[in-house]
Protein backbone atom coordinates (compact mmCIF):
# COMPACT_ATOMS: atom_id res chain seq x y z
CA MET A 1 0.00 0.00 0.00
CA ILE A 2 1.37 3.41 -0.97
CA TYR A 3 1.99 5.73 1.95
CA ILE A 4 -0.43 8.66 2.38
CA PRO A 5 1.57 11.61 3.77
CA ARG A 6 0.69 14.56 5.96
CA ILE A 7 1.11 17.58 3.70
CA ALA A 8 1.98 21.08 4.83
CA ARG A 9 -0.76 23.57 3.95
CA LYS A 10 1.79 26.07 2.67
CA TYR A 11 2.31 23.95 -0.46
CA LEU A 12 -1.35 23.88 -1.46
CA ASP A 13 -1.20 26.88 -3.78
CA THR A 14 1.93 25.98 -5.72
CA SER A 15 3.08 22.37 -5.48
CA PHE A 16 0.28 20.05 -6.58
CA PHE A 17 0.24 18.53 -10.05
CA HIS A 18 -2.20 16.30 -11.88
CA VAL A 19 -0.07 14.00 -14.03
CA MET A 20 -1.14 11.71 -16.87
CA VAL A 21 0.85 9.12 -18.82
CA GLN A 22 -0.46 7.28 -21.86
CA GLY A 23 0.68 4.32 -23.96
CA ILE A 24 2.22 5.05 -27.36
CA HIS A 25 -0.49 4.99 -30.07
CA LYS A 26 -2.96 4.47 -27.18
CA GLU A 27 -1.53 0.98 -26.68
CA PHE A 28 -2.92 -0.93 -23.69
CA ILE A 29 0.29 -0.92 -21.68
CA PHE A 30 -1.50 -1.71 -18.40
CA ASN A 31 -3.77 -4.49 -19.69
CA LYS A 32 -2.61 -7.17 -17.24
CA HIS A 33 -2.82 -7.25 -13.45
CA ARG A 34 0.91 -7.89 -13.12
CA TYR A 35 1.67 -4.86 -15.29
CA ILE A 36 -0.47 -2.57 -13.15
CA ASN A 37 1.03 -3.99 -9.96
CA ARG A 38 4.53 -3.44 -11.31
CA TYR A 39 3.78 0.20 -12.12
CA LEU A 40 2.31 0.72 -8.65
CA GLN A 41 5.44 -0.85 -7.13
CA LEU A 42 7.60 1.61 -9.06
CA ILE A 43 5.41 4.52 -7.94
CA GLU A 44 5.86 3.56 -4.31
CA LYS A 45 9.51 2.53 -4.49
CA ASN A 46 10.67 5.83 -5.98
CA LEU A 47 8.69 8.18 -3.75
CA ASP A 48 10.87 10.49 -1.70
CA LYS A 49 8.58 11.12 1.24
CA GLU A 50 10.42 14.34 2.08
CA THR A 51 10.09 16.03 -1.32
CA LEU A 52 7.48 14.13 -3.32
CA LYS A 53 4.19 12.65 -2.14
CA MET A 54 1.31 10.80 -3.83
CA LEU A 55 -2.24 11.97 -3.11
CA ALA A 56 -4.27 9.99 -5.63
CA PHE A 57 -3.86 7.62 -8.54
CA CYS A 58 -5.82 5.51 -10.99
CA ILE A 59 -4.22 3.04 -13.40
CA MET A 60 -6.36 2.38 -16.49
CA ASN A 61 -5.72 0.05 -19.45
CA ASN A 62 -3.78 2.46 -21.64
CA HIS A 63 -3.10 5.41 -19.35
CA ALA A 64 -2.68 6.42 -15.72
CA HIS A 65 -3.60 9.46 -13.62
CA LEU A 66 -1.51 10.59 -10.64
CA LEU A 67 -1.92 13.50 -8.25
CA ILE A 68 1.46 14.48 -6.83
CA GLN A 69 2.78 17.07 -4.39
CA VAL A 70 6.37 18.25 -4.88
CA GLU A 71 8.52 20.91 -3.26
CA ASP A 72 10.36 21.52 -6.55
CA LYS A 73 8.81 20.77 -9.95
CA SER A 74 12.18 19.50 -11.20
CA GLU A 75 11.73 16.61 -8.78
CA LEU A 76 8.52 15.69 -10.58
CA SER A 77 10.36 15.38 -13.89
CA LYS A 78 13.06 13.19 -12.35
CA TYR A 79 10.47 10.99 -10.65
CA MET A 80 8.34 10.42 -13.74
CA GLN A 81 11.38 9.81 -15.94
CA LYS A 82 12.65 7.17 -13.55
CA ILE A 83 9.46 5.17 -13.08
CA ASN A 84 8.51 5.36 -16.76
CA SER A 85 11.93 4.33 -18.07
CA VAL A 86 12.12 1.35 -15.73
CA TYR A 87 8.56 0.34 -16.54
CA ALA A 88 9.20 0.65 -20.30
CA LYS A 89 12.10 -1.80 -20.07
CA TYR A 90 9.98 -4.19 -18.02
CA TYR A 91 7.02 -3.95 -20.42
CA ASN A 92 9.14 -4.46 -23.53
CA TYR A 93 10.79 -7.51 -22.00
CA MET A 94 7.51 -9.05 -20.84
CA GLU A 95 5.87 -8.47 -24.24
CA ASN A 96 8.14 -11.02 -25.95
CA GLU A 97 11.07 -8.61 -26.04
CA ARG A 98 9.09 -5.84 -27.71
CA VAL A 99 11.22 -2.86 -28.81
CA GLY A 100 10.54 0.87 -29.09
CA TYR A 101 8.77 3.54 -27.10
CA VAL A 102 6.15 2.50 -24.56
CA PHE A 103 4.77 5.89 -23.49
CA ARG A 104 3.34 8.47 -25.87
CA ASP A 105 5.22 11.32 -24.16
CA ARG A 106 7.26 11.54 -20.99
CA TYR A 107 4.08 12.68 -19.23
CA LYS A 108 1.55 15.51 -19.21
CA SER A 109 0.90 17.64 -16.16
CA GLU A 110 -1.30 20.50 -14.99
CA PRO A 111 -0.94 22.51 -11.77
CA ILE A 112 -3.61 22.55 -9.08
CA PHE A 113 -4.06 26.00 -7.55
CA SER A 114 -6.75 25.69 -4.90
CA LYS A 115 -8.13 23.31 -2.33
CA ARG A 116 -11.42 23.07 -4.18
CA GLN A 117 -9.62 22.17 -7.42
CA LEU A 118 -7.54 19.62 -5.52
CA ILE A 119 -10.67 17.89 -4.22
CA GLN A 120 -12.30 18.00 -7.66
CA CYS A 121 -9.19 16.48 -9.25
CA ILE A 122 -9.16 13.57 -6.78
CA LYS A 123 -12.81 12.93 -7.55
CA TYR A 124 -12.13 13.12 -11.28
CA ILE A 125 -9.26 10.63 -11.03
CA HIS A 126 -11.35 8.13 -9.07
CA GLN A 127 -14.26 8.39 -11.52
CA ASN A 128 -12.19 7.39 -14.56
CA PRO A 129 -13.08 3.65 -14.48
CA VAL A 130 -16.80 4.45 -14.28
CA LYS A 131 -16.57 6.98 -17.10
CA ALA A 132 -14.80 4.33 -19.22
CA ASN A 133 -17.56 1.79 -18.40
CA MET A 134 -15.03 -0.56 -16.82
CA VAL A 135 -17.07 -0.77 -13.61
CA ASN A 136 -20.46 0.45 -12.43
CA HIS A 137 -19.21 1.98 -9.18
CA ILE A 138 -15.93 3.55 -8.10
CA ASN A 139 -15.43 1.13 -5.23
CA GLU A 140 -15.44 -1.84 -7.63
CA TYR A 141 -12.15 -0.74 -9.19
CA LYS A 142 -9.13 -1.85 -7.19
CA TYR A 143 -6.37 -0.01 -9.03
CA SER A 144 -7.08 3.46 -7.69
CA SER A 145 -6.58 5.31 -4.41
CA TYR A 146 -10.32 5.53 -3.76
CA GLY A 147 -9.97 3.08 -0.88
CA TRP A 148 -7.75 5.57 0.97
CA TYR A 149 -10.63 8.02 1.13
CA GLN A 150 -13.38 5.46 1.63
CA THR A 151 -11.69 3.88 4.67
CA GLY A 152 -10.64 7.14 6.29
CA LYS A 153 -6.92 6.67 5.68
CA ALA A 154 -6.96 9.95 3.73
CA GLU A 155 -7.43 11.83 7.00
CA GLU A 156 -3.67 11.35 7.47
CA ILE A 157 -3.16 13.88 4.66
CA GLY A 158 -4.26 16.52 7.12
CA ILE A 159 -5.78 19.06 4.72
CA PHE A 160 -9.34 17.78 4.32
CA THR A 161 -12.27 18.05 6.68
CA LYS A 162 -14.49 15.01 7.23
CA GLU A 163 -17.14 16.70 5.10
CA GLU A 164 -14.68 17.09 2.21
CA ILE A 165 -13.63 13.45 2.44
CA THR A 166 -17.29 12.46 2.42
CA TYR A 167 -17.72 14.54 -0.74
CA ILE A 168 -14.74 12.81 -2.38
CA CYS A 169 -16.27 9.42 -1.52
CA ASN A 170 -19.75 10.30 -2.81
CA THR A 171 -20.08 8.23 -5.99
CA ASN A 172 -23.31 10.00 -6.96
CA LEU A 173 -21.62 13.39 -7.43
CA VAL A 174 -19.85 13.95 -10.75
CA CYS A 175 -16.68 16.03 -10.88
CA GLU A 176 -17.61 19.59 -11.83
CA GLU A 177 -14.30 20.59 -13.45
CA GLU A 178 -12.29 19.52 -16.49
CA PHE A 179 -8.85 17.96 -16.15
CA LEU A 180 -6.26 16.17 -18.29
CA ASP A 181 -7.70 13.28 -20.25
CA ILE A 182 -6.68 10.95 -23.08
CA GLU A 183 -7.42 12.04 -26.62
CA VAL A 184 -10.54 10.50 -28.09
CA ASP A 185 -12.53 10.96 -31.27
CA ILE A 186 -14.86 13.29 -29.42
CA GLU A 187 -16.83 14.47 -32.47
CA LYS A 188 -17.78 10.89 -33.33
CA LYS A 189 -18.80 10.26 -29.73
CA ILE A 190 -20.94 13.40 -29.67
CA ASP A 191 -22.61 12.34 -32.93
CA ASN A 192 -23.57 9.04 -31.29
CA PHE A 193 -24.84 10.84 -28.17
CA ILE A 194 -26.96 13.20 -30.27
CA SER A 195 -28.45 10.22 -32.13
CA GLU A 196 -29.34 8.67 -28.76
CA PHE A 197 -30.89 11.96 -27.64
CA VAL A 198 -32.97 12.31 -30.82
CA LYS A 199 -34.34 8.78 -30.45
CA LYS A 200 -34.96 9.22 -26.74
CA GLU A 201 -36.84 12.51 -27.22
CA LYS A 202 -38.56 11.36 -30.44
CA ILE A 203 -37.64 14.51 -32.32
CA LYS A 204 -36.02 15.50 -35.62
CA VAL A 205 -32.41 16.68 -35.71
CA PHE A 206 -33.35 20.07 -37.20
CA GLU A 207 -35.54 20.81 -34.17
CA ILE A 208 -32.40 21.02 -32.03
CA PHE A 209 -31.36 24.17 -33.87
CA GLU A 210 -34.84 25.66 -34.22
CA LYS A 211 -36.11 25.30 -30.65
CA ASP A 212 -34.14 26.80 -27.78
CA ASP A 213 -35.69 24.52 -25.18
CA ILE A 214 -34.59 21.40 -27.08
CA LEU A 215 -31.06 22.76 -27.59
CA LYS A 216 -30.86 23.56 -23.88
CA LYS A 217 -32.04 20.04 -23.04
CA LEU A 218 -29.44 18.54 -25.39
CA VAL A 219 -26.62 20.55 -23.83
CA LYS A 220 -27.69 19.39 -20.38
CA TYR A 221 -27.90 15.79 -21.64
CA LEU A 222 -24.40 15.88 -23.17
CA LYS A 223 -22.86 17.48 -20.09
CA LYS A 224 -24.69 15.79 -17.22
CA SER A 225 -25.42 12.35 -18.68
CA LYS A 226 -22.44 11.90 -21.03
CA ASN A 227 -19.83 14.09 -19.32
CA VAL A 228 -18.93 15.97 -22.53
CA LYS A 229 -16.94 19.15 -22.02
CA TYR A 230 -18.73 22.43 -22.71
CA THR A 231 -15.92 23.46 -25.07
CA ASP A 232 -16.45 20.30 -27.17
CA ILE A 233 -20.22 20.87 -27.24
CA MET A 234 -19.68 24.46 -28.42
CA LYS A 235 -17.34 23.34 -31.18
CA LYS A 236 -19.61 20.54 -32.40
CA LEU A 237 -22.85 22.55 -32.33
CA ASP A 238 -21.23 25.84 -33.43
CA ILE A 239 -22.40 27.61 -30.27
CA THR A 240 -20.81 30.86 -29.08
CA LYS A 241 -19.61 31.28 -25.51
CA GLY A 242 -22.41 33.77 -24.84
CA THR A 243 -25.06 31.34 -26.11
CA MET A 244 -23.60 28.54 -24.02
CA GLU A 245 -23.72 30.65 -20.86
CA ARG A 246 -27.38 31.35 -21.58
CA LEU A 247 -28.17 27.68 -22.19
CA LYS A 248 -26.44 26.63 -18.98
CA LYS A 249 -28.80 28.72 -16.81
């Protein structure tokens, strides 16, 4: 089990990073239990509990999400380079001496600037398996840090109230913010979602663009039911930012 640290509050504004790694060409580099366990072993083995601490993780089939606190961002680069290079050698060897790159990039990262964003990011990371239809409920997926928060071990972090931990553990509440994600053919997915919506509502496609109430209902359906980003909805439906703000009300 990876150690959950007590984190100084002074680092909250500047030293938290949401990190994502992905297999080259979206290859399923974590498609076996032993592969996931090996990556988790490397995550734990290379943690420097004085300068780098893990707050949340979720290992999927072809990518992984990590939430890391560092005193110096250069330490993050060293850490990710080390675990990914060792894992790449292991993966290539185990896959009948496969050769070549394993990860698409070194890694992608985004800073977390507030406590609210930190909590939202943890929730987002834990919800990945449900969003990918791998499980029906968060607690069914064993390769994430959700158990830390569900069992109360997360209280050792020292920055969350019991109410905030309860929020993180609430599987009925969807993350309200957008974070790093793998690239998908989002336009094709939205097309399929719109087709579902049209059949469900028993309407014609042209009515979406002629009736404001139907357009508003579609936007709500795409966002709330299908978790499509507002920016992707705007691009697909050719909606301006002002129109979207009106439809969201």
